[in-house]
């Protein structure tokens, strides 16, 4: 089963967040929305990021463009 790398930087502290999830896990966790909400493990801030920027491969495979 293919896993996608979701990668984003926290705008508050700059720490990187990386998750490796399957297509099903991404849809279950975030739904089919253009922005996903992530939690920073360092500063505990919640932030939104564009799924196309966080995981371009997932966006391409799922034809989100």
N, C-alpha and C. Protein backbone atom coordinates (compact mmCIF):
# COMPACT_ATOMS: atom_id res chain seq x y z
N UNK A 1 0.84 -1.17 0.00
CA UNK A 1 0.00 0.00 0.00
C UNK A 1 0.89 1.25 0.00
N UNK A 2 0.63 2.15 -0.92
CA UNK A 2 1.45 3.34 -1.08
C UNK A 2 1.21 4.33 0.06
N UNK A 3 2.30 4.89 0.58
CA UNK A 3 2.22 5.92 1.61
C UNK A 3 2.71 7.23 1.01
N UNK A 4 2.03 8.30 1.37
CA UNK A 4 2.38 9.65 0.92
C UNK A 4 3.03 10.41 2.06
N UNK A 5 4.00 11.26 1.71
CA UNK A 5 4.67 12.08 2.71
C UNK A 5 4.02 13.46 2.76
N UNK A 6 3.40 13.77 3.89
CA UNK A 6 2.83 15.08 4.14
C UNK A 6 3.87 15.87 4.92
N UNK A 7 4.31 17.00 4.38
CA UNK A 7 5.38 17.76 5.00
C UNK A 7 5.02 19.23 5.03
N UNK A 8 5.15 19.87 6.20
CA UNK A 8 4.84 21.29 6.34
C UNK A 8 5.68 21.88 7.47
N UNK A 9 5.85 23.19 7.44
CA UNK A 9 6.56 23.90 8.49
C UNK A 9 5.58 24.73 9.31
N UNK A 10 5.72 24.69 10.61
CA UNK A 10 4.87 25.47 11.50
C UNK A 10 5.18 26.96 11.31
N UNK A 11 4.17 27.79 11.05
CA UNK A 11 4.42 29.21 10.86
C UNK A 11 4.80 29.92 12.17
N UNK A 12 4.48 29.32 13.31
CA UNK A 12 4.77 29.93 14.61
C UNK A 12 6.23 29.75 15.00
N UNK A 13 6.73 28.50 14.93
CA UNK A 13 8.10 28.24 15.42
C UNK A 13 9.05 27.73 14.33
N UNK A 14 8.51 27.37 13.15
CA UNK A 14 9.35 26.93 12.04
C UNK A 14 9.70 25.45 12.04
N UNK A 15 9.24 24.70 13.02
CA UNK A 15 9.54 23.27 13.07
C UNK A 15 8.84 22.54 11.92
N UNK A 16 9.45 21.46 11.48
CA UNK A 16 8.87 20.66 10.40
C UNK A 16 7.97 19.58 10.96
N UNK A 17 6.87 19.37 10.27
CA UNK A 17 5.97 18.27 10.59
C UNK A 17 5.95 17.34 9.39
N UNK A 18 6.19 16.07 9.63
CA UNK A 18 6.21 15.07 8.56
C UNK A 18 5.37 13.88 8.98
N UNK A 19 4.47 13.46 8.10
CA UNK A 19 3.67 12.26 8.33
C UNK A 19 3.70 11.41 7.08
N UNK A 20 3.66 10.11 7.26
CA UNK A 20 3.59 9.17 6.14
C UNK A 20 2.27 8.44 6.26
N UNK A 21 1.34 8.75 5.34
CA UNK A 21 -0.02 8.22 5.41
C UNK A 21 -0.45 7.65 4.06
N UNK A 22 -1.34 6.67 4.11
CA UNK A 22 -1.93 6.15 2.88
C UNK A 22 -3.01 7.12 2.41
N UNK A 23 -3.48 6.93 1.18
CA UNK A 23 -4.56 7.76 0.63
C UNK A 23 -5.79 7.68 1.54
N UNK A 24 -6.10 6.48 2.01
CA UNK A 24 -7.27 6.28 2.87
C UNK A 24 -7.10 7.00 4.21
N UNK A 25 -5.89 6.95 4.77
CA UNK A 25 -5.63 7.63 6.05
C UNK A 25 -5.74 9.14 5.89
N UNK A 26 -5.26 9.68 4.76
CA UNK A 26 -5.37 11.12 4.51
C UNK A 26 -6.83 11.52 4.40
N UNK A 27 -7.60 10.76 3.65
CA UNK A 27 -9.04 11.08 3.50
C UNK A 27 -9.79 10.95 4.81
N UNK A 28 -9.44 9.93 5.60
CA UNK A 28 -10.11 9.73 6.89
C UNK A 28 -9.79 10.87 7.85
N UNK A 29 -8.53 11.28 7.88
CA UNK A 29 -8.10 12.32 8.82
C UNK A 29 -8.50 13.72 8.39
N UNK A 30 -8.42 14.02 7.08
CA UNK A 30 -8.62 15.39 6.63
C UNK A 30 -9.83 15.58 5.71
N UNK A 31 -10.39 14.50 5.19
CA UNK A 31 -11.49 14.63 4.23
C UNK A 31 -10.97 15.07 2.88
N UNK A 32 -11.85 15.59 2.05
CA UNK A 32 -11.47 16.04 0.71
C UNK A 32 -11.47 17.56 0.64
N UNK A 33 -10.75 18.19 1.54
CA UNK A 33 -10.69 19.65 1.57
C UNK A 33 -9.34 20.12 1.04
N UNK A 34 -9.27 21.34 0.51
CA UNK A 34 -7.99 21.82 -0.05
C UNK A 34 -6.96 22.17 1.02
N UNK A 35 -7.41 22.50 2.24
CA UNK A 35 -6.49 22.82 3.33
C UNK A 35 -6.62 21.78 4.43
N UNK A 36 -5.49 21.44 5.03
CA UNK A 36 -5.49 20.49 6.14
C UNK A 36 -5.00 21.20 7.39
N UNK A 37 -5.54 20.80 8.54
CA UNK A 37 -5.12 21.37 9.82
C UNK A 37 -4.12 20.42 10.46
N UNK A 38 -2.96 20.95 10.81
CA UNK A 38 -1.90 20.15 11.43
C UNK A 38 -1.60 20.71 12.81
N UNK A 39 -1.05 19.87 13.68
CA UNK A 39 -0.62 20.28 15.02
C UNK A 39 0.90 20.23 15.07
N UNK A 40 1.50 21.31 15.58
CA UNK A 40 2.96 21.34 15.78
C UNK A 40 3.28 20.62 17.09
N UNK A 41 4.16 19.67 17.03
CA UNK A 41 4.54 18.90 18.23
C UNK A 41 5.45 19.71 19.16
N UNK A 42 6.09 20.75 18.65
CA UNK A 42 7.00 21.55 19.46
C UNK A 42 6.29 22.66 20.23
N UNK A 43 5.56 23.53 19.53
CA UNK A 43 4.93 24.68 20.19
C UNK A 43 3.44 24.48 20.44
N UNK A 44 2.89 23.33 19.98
CA UNK A 44 1.49 22.97 20.18
C UNK A 44 0.51 23.86 19.42
N UNK A 45 1.00 24.63 18.46
CA UNK A 45 0.13 25.49 17.65
C UNK A 45 -0.58 24.64 16.61
N UNK A 46 -1.79 25.03 16.27
CA UNK A 46 -2.52 24.40 15.16
C UNK A 46 -2.41 25.35 13.98
N UNK A 47 -2.18 24.80 12.80
CA UNK A 47 -2.07 25.64 11.62
C UNK A 47 -2.63 24.92 10.41
N UNK A 48 -3.07 25.70 9.44
CA UNK A 48 -3.60 25.17 8.18
C UNK A 48 -2.54 25.26 7.11
N UNK A 49 -2.55 24.28 6.23
CA UNK A 49 -1.66 24.32 5.07
C UNK A 49 -2.39 23.71 3.88
N UNK A 50 -2.01 24.13 2.71
CA UNK A 50 -2.60 23.64 1.46
C UNK A 50 -2.12 22.21 1.21
N UNK A 51 -3.04 21.29 0.99
CA UNK A 51 -2.68 19.89 0.75
C UNK A 51 -1.78 19.75 -0.48
N UNK A 52 -1.94 20.63 -1.47
CA UNK A 52 -1.10 20.57 -2.67
C UNK A 52 0.35 20.91 -2.36
N UNK A 53 0.58 21.78 -1.37
CA UNK A 53 1.94 22.13 -0.96
C UNK A 53 2.51 21.10 0.00
N UNK A 54 1.66 20.58 0.90
CA UNK A 54 2.12 19.62 1.89
C UNK A 54 2.44 18.27 1.27
N UNK A 55 1.71 17.92 0.21
CA UNK A 55 1.94 16.63 -0.44
C UNK A 55 1.58 16.70 -1.92
N UNK A 56 2.47 17.26 -2.73
CA UNK A 56 2.19 17.39 -4.17
C UNK A 56 1.92 16.05 -4.85
N UNK A 57 2.58 14.99 -4.41
CA UNK A 57 2.38 13.68 -5.03
C UNK A 57 0.95 13.19 -4.82
N UNK A 58 0.42 13.36 -3.60
CA UNK A 58 -0.96 12.99 -3.31
C UNK A 58 -1.92 13.82 -4.15
N UNK A 59 -1.69 15.12 -4.23
CA UNK A 59 -2.55 16.01 -5.02
C UNK A 59 -2.57 15.59 -6.49
N UNK A 60 -1.41 15.22 -7.01
CA UNK A 60 -1.31 14.78 -8.41
C UNK A 60 -2.04 13.45 -8.63
N UNK A 61 -1.75 12.47 -7.75
CA UNK A 61 -2.36 11.14 -7.89
C UNK A 61 -3.88 11.19 -7.73
N UNK A 62 -4.37 12.09 -6.89
CA UNK A 62 -5.81 12.19 -6.62
C UNK A 62 -6.47 13.27 -7.46
N UNK A 63 -5.68 13.83 -8.40
CA UNK A 63 -6.19 14.83 -9.34
C UNK A 63 -6.88 15.99 -8.63
N UNK A 64 -6.18 16.59 -7.65
CA UNK A 64 -6.73 17.71 -6.91
C UNK A 64 -6.51 19.05 -7.58
N UNK A 65 -5.80 19.06 -8.70
CA UNK A 65 -5.52 20.32 -9.40
C UNK A 65 -6.75 20.82 -10.11
